[in-house]
Protein backbone atom coordinates (compact mmCIF):
# COMPACT_ATOMS: atom_id res chain seq x y z
CA MET A 1 -132.97 61.19 243.74
CA TYR A 2 -134.32 57.77 244.75
CA ILE A 3 -132.02 55.93 247.19
CA GLU A 4 -132.30 52.51 248.82
CA GLU A 5 -133.03 52.81 252.53
CA LYS A 6 -130.23 50.42 253.54
CA LEU A 7 -127.52 52.85 252.35
CA GLN A 8 -125.87 55.08 254.94
CA LEU A 9 -126.45 58.55 253.55
CA GLN A 10 -125.85 62.21 254.19
CA ILE A 11 -127.96 64.34 251.83
CA ASN A 12 -127.29 68.05 251.24
CA THR A 13 -128.30 70.85 248.92
CA LYS A 14 -126.11 73.80 248.04
CA ARG A 15 -127.41 77.03 246.53
CA VAL A 16 -124.90 78.43 244.06
CA THR A 17 -126.44 81.13 241.87
CA GLU A 18 -129.96 82.13 240.90
CA LYS A 19 -129.46 80.66 237.44
CA TRP A 20 -127.88 77.43 238.60
CA LYS A 21 -130.32 77.17 241.51
CA TYR A 22 -128.80 74.20 243.39
CA TYR A 23 -126.29 71.44 243.48
CA VAL A 24 -127.91 68.41 245.10
CA TYR A 25 -125.37 66.00 246.51
CA LEU A 26 -125.27 63.06 248.83
CA THR A 27 -122.58 61.00 250.49
CA ILE A 28 -122.71 57.21 250.60
CA HIS A 29 -120.58 55.79 253.41
CA SER A 30 -119.46 52.42 252.06
CA HIS A 31 -116.71 52.04 254.68
CA PRO A 32 -115.58 54.04 257.75
CA ARG A 33 -112.61 55.36 255.77
CA GLN A 34 -114.28 55.42 252.37
CA ALA A 35 -117.19 57.44 251.01
CA ILE A 36 -118.71 58.22 247.63
CA LYS A 37 -120.13 61.65 246.81
CA ILE A 38 -122.89 61.73 244.19
CA VAL A 39 -123.44 65.22 242.80
CA LEU A 40 -126.46 66.17 240.69
CA VAL A 41 -126.08 69.36 238.65
CA TYR A 42 -128.31 71.54 236.50
CA ARG A 43 -126.62 74.28 234.50
CA ASN A 44 -129.07 76.69 232.94
CA VAL A 45 -128.38 77.48 229.31
CA ALA A 46 -128.62 81.17 230.25
CA CYS A 47 -125.57 81.02 232.55
CA THR A 48 -123.08 83.82 231.93
CA ALA A 49 -119.28 83.62 232.11
CA ILE A 50 -119.47 85.17 235.60
CA ASP A 51 -121.97 82.50 236.71
CA ASP A 52 -119.67 79.76 235.40
CA ASP A 53 -116.66 81.21 237.22
CA GLU A 54 -118.58 81.01 240.50
CA VAL A 55 -120.00 77.57 239.88
CA TYR A 56 -116.81 75.83 238.79
CA GLY A 57 -115.15 76.84 242.04
CA TYR A 58 -117.40 74.54 244.08
CA PRO A 59 -116.36 71.10 242.73
CA ASP A 60 -113.08 71.33 244.66
CA TYR A 61 -115.16 70.52 247.74
CA PHE A 62 -116.75 67.51 246.07
CA LEU A 63 -113.46 66.22 244.67
CA SER A 64 -111.40 66.42 247.85
CA ALA A 65 -110.10 63.25 249.55
CA PRO A 66 -111.16 60.83 250.96
CA TYR A 67 -114.12 60.88 248.60
CA GLN A 68 -114.66 59.22 245.29
CA THR A 69 -117.06 61.32 243.26
CA LEU A 70 -119.75 60.89 240.61
CA ILE A 71 -120.95 64.14 238.99
CA MET A 72 -123.94 63.97 236.68
CA GLY A 73 -126.63 66.22 235.28
CA ILE A 74 -127.64 68.64 232.54
CA PHE A 75 -124.82 70.99 231.60
CA ASN A 76 -126.15 72.47 228.34
CA LEU A 77 -122.70 72.64 226.72
CA PRO A 78 -123.33 71.24 223.21
CA HIS A 79 -120.15 72.61 221.62
CA ILE A 80 -117.69 70.37 223.47
CA ILE A 81 -115.96 67.79 221.25
CA TRP A 82 -115.54 64.92 223.71
CA THR A 83 -113.27 62.80 221.53
CA THR A 84 -110.58 65.50 221.74
CA ARG A 85 -111.77 67.38 224.85
CA GLN A 86 -111.90 70.65 222.99
CA SER A 87 -114.50 73.39 223.18
CA ARG A 88 -115.22 76.94 222.26
CA GLY A 89 -117.07 79.26 224.57
CA PRO A 90 -118.15 78.27 228.10
CA GLY A 91 -117.37 74.58 227.63
CA SER A 92 -113.64 75.25 227.98
CA LYS A 93 -114.06 75.90 231.72
CA LEU A 94 -115.59 72.47 232.25
CA ILE A 95 -112.79 70.88 230.20
CA ASP A 96 -110.23 72.60 232.46
CA LEU A 97 -112.04 71.23 235.53
CA ILE A 98 -112.05 67.71 234.09
CA ASN A 99 -108.38 67.77 233.10
CA THR A 100 -107.23 69.29 236.39
CA ASN A 101 -109.01 66.64 238.47
CA PHE A 102 -108.39 63.65 236.13
CA LEU A 103 -112.12 63.10 235.65
CA GLN A 104 -113.57 60.78 233.04
CA GLN A 105 -116.67 61.90 231.09
CA HIS A 106 -118.57 58.82 229.89
CA VAL A 107 -121.41 60.07 227.65
CA VAL A 108 -120.38 60.16 223.99
CA GLU A 109 -123.75 59.93 222.21
CA PRO A 110 -126.37 62.72 221.81
CA THR A 111 -128.82 62.96 224.70
CA ARG A 112 -131.04 65.71 223.28
CA GLN A 113 -131.55 66.02 219.55
CA SER A 114 -128.03 65.92 218.06
CA ASN A 115 -126.24 67.33 221.12
CA ILE A 116 -124.69 65.94 224.31
CA HIS A 117 -126.33 68.04 227.02
CA ASP A 118 -126.32 65.41 229.78
CA LEU A 119 -122.99 64.33 231.29
CA VAL A 120 -121.73 61.65 233.68
CA MET A 121 -118.26 62.17 235.17
CA THR A 122 -116.28 60.09 237.65
CA THR A 123 -113.05 60.27 239.59
CA PRO A 124 -110.40 57.57 238.88
CA GLY A 125 -111.52 55.35 241.76
CA LEU A 126 -114.93 54.74 240.18
CA ARG A 127 -115.11 52.39 237.19
CA MET A 128 -118.00 52.58 234.72
CA ILE A 129 -118.85 48.99 233.79
CA GLU A 130 -121.83 49.73 231.55
CA LEU A 131 -123.62 52.79 230.20
CA GLU A 132 -126.42 53.10 227.68
CA LEU A 133 -128.96 55.68 226.54
CA THR A 134 -132.54 54.52 226.85
CA ASP A 135 -136.05 55.98 226.42
CA LYS A 136 -136.67 59.69 226.69
CA ILE A 137 -137.99 61.67 229.62
CA GLY A 138 -139.35 64.79 227.96
CA ASP A 139 -136.87 65.66 225.23
CA HIS A 140 -133.81 64.15 226.96
CA LYS A 141 -132.76 60.52 226.78
CA MET A 142 -132.27 58.62 230.02
CA ILE A 143 -128.75 57.46 230.88
CA ASP A 144 -128.60 54.02 232.49
CA PHE A 145 -125.25 53.01 234.01
CA ALA A 146 -123.56 50.91 236.67
CA LEU A 147 -120.41 51.61 238.65
CA GLN A 148 -117.78 49.38 240.16
CA VAL A 149 -116.23 50.94 243.24
CA ARG A 150 -112.55 50.25 243.73
CA ASP A 151 -111.84 48.67 247.10
CA LEU A 152 -109.70 51.19 248.95
CA ASN A 153 -109.52 49.15 252.14
CA THR A 154 -105.94 48.34 252.97
CA LYS A 155 -104.92 44.94 254.27
CA THR A 156 -102.71 44.98 257.35
CA GLN A 157 -99.63 42.78 257.23
CA HIS A 158 -97.54 42.00 260.28
CA LYS A 159 -93.78 41.60 260.05
CA ASN A 160 -91.27 40.82 262.77
CA VAL A 161 -88.47 43.38 262.97
CA THR A 162 -85.31 43.00 265.03
CA ASP A 163 -84.85 45.57 267.79
CA CYS A 164 -81.26 46.61 267.09
CA LYS A 165 -80.97 48.45 270.41
CA ARG A 166 -81.12 45.14 272.27
CA ILE A 167 -78.54 43.27 270.16
CA ASN A 168 -75.30 42.15 271.85
CA PHE A 169 -72.96 43.13 269.03
CA LYS A 170 -69.87 41.69 270.69
CA LEU A 171 -71.49 38.25 270.92
CA MET A 172 -72.88 38.63 267.38
CA LYS A 173 -69.41 39.48 266.04
CA LYS A 174 -67.94 36.46 267.81
CA LYS A 175 -70.54 34.08 266.38
CA LEU A 176 -70.25 35.40 262.82
CA GLY A 177 -66.46 35.49 263.02
CA SER A 178 -66.24 31.77 263.87
CA ILE A 179 -68.00 30.68 260.65
CA ASP A 180 -65.97 29.22 257.76
CA TYR A 181 -67.81 31.04 254.95
CA GLU A 182 -65.60 29.62 252.19
CA LEU A 183 -66.53 26.09 253.20
CA LEU A 184 -70.18 26.97 253.88
CA MET A 185 -70.79 28.70 250.54
CA ARG A 186 -68.63 26.49 248.32
CA ASN A 187 -70.42 25.52 245.07
CA GLU A 188 -73.34 27.90 245.82
CA ASN A 189 -74.50 30.67 243.50
CA SER A 190 -74.74 34.29 244.63
CA LYS A 191 -78.45 34.05 245.47
CA GLU A 192 -77.94 31.06 247.75
CA CYS A 193 -74.88 32.68 249.36
CA TYR A 194 -76.97 35.73 250.22
CA LYS A 195 -79.69 33.54 251.77
CA ILE A 196 -77.09 31.71 253.88
CA LEU A 197 -75.59 34.99 255.07
CA LYS A 198 -79.02 36.38 256.03
CA GLN A 199 -79.80 33.19 257.95
CA LYS A 200 -76.52 33.29 259.86
CA ILE A 201 -77.02 36.97 260.78
CA ALA A 202 -80.57 36.26 261.95
CA THR A 203 -79.50 33.37 264.18
CA ALA A 204 -76.56 35.36 265.55
CA THR A 205 -78.89 38.05 266.85
């Protein structure tokens, strides 16, 4: 992985099985309360069903809040039909992972010969704004893409709230009881009447 120096990163490797070798993943801290995990995966074509069971247990760590996650790499699962998300054989386990975690898989054209071996998946908070297959590296096409990160920062709004414990209800009742509502709300529609009532209650407190 080549990363710009200005990004705040935490880079890790995780050994999974002898056939998978490693996940390589890094965390980009785009905000104190927001981070993006980028996970690079290589799944050997020789992986057995037991290997896949072990490997597909790890993404729960990558997909846990508060992270948004990009998972990409070579999965060697050519029998998945991505238009319908159906597969025979080992691909069904990846489909279950995608459906369970609401992931979006973005590569829909062959990346090696006539098969889609290379995948790019994102969590809902990451938006793919462009993706294209370009020149080959070896016998695999390169995948060039850009992401738009949803702004998860919340804006704080301040609102004044009446402290009911400090209200003099006897005085409030006296003030509201002295109002001629029939005269005050004559010829007003229901919306305006409600606004008048709210105003009178607010001033009485």
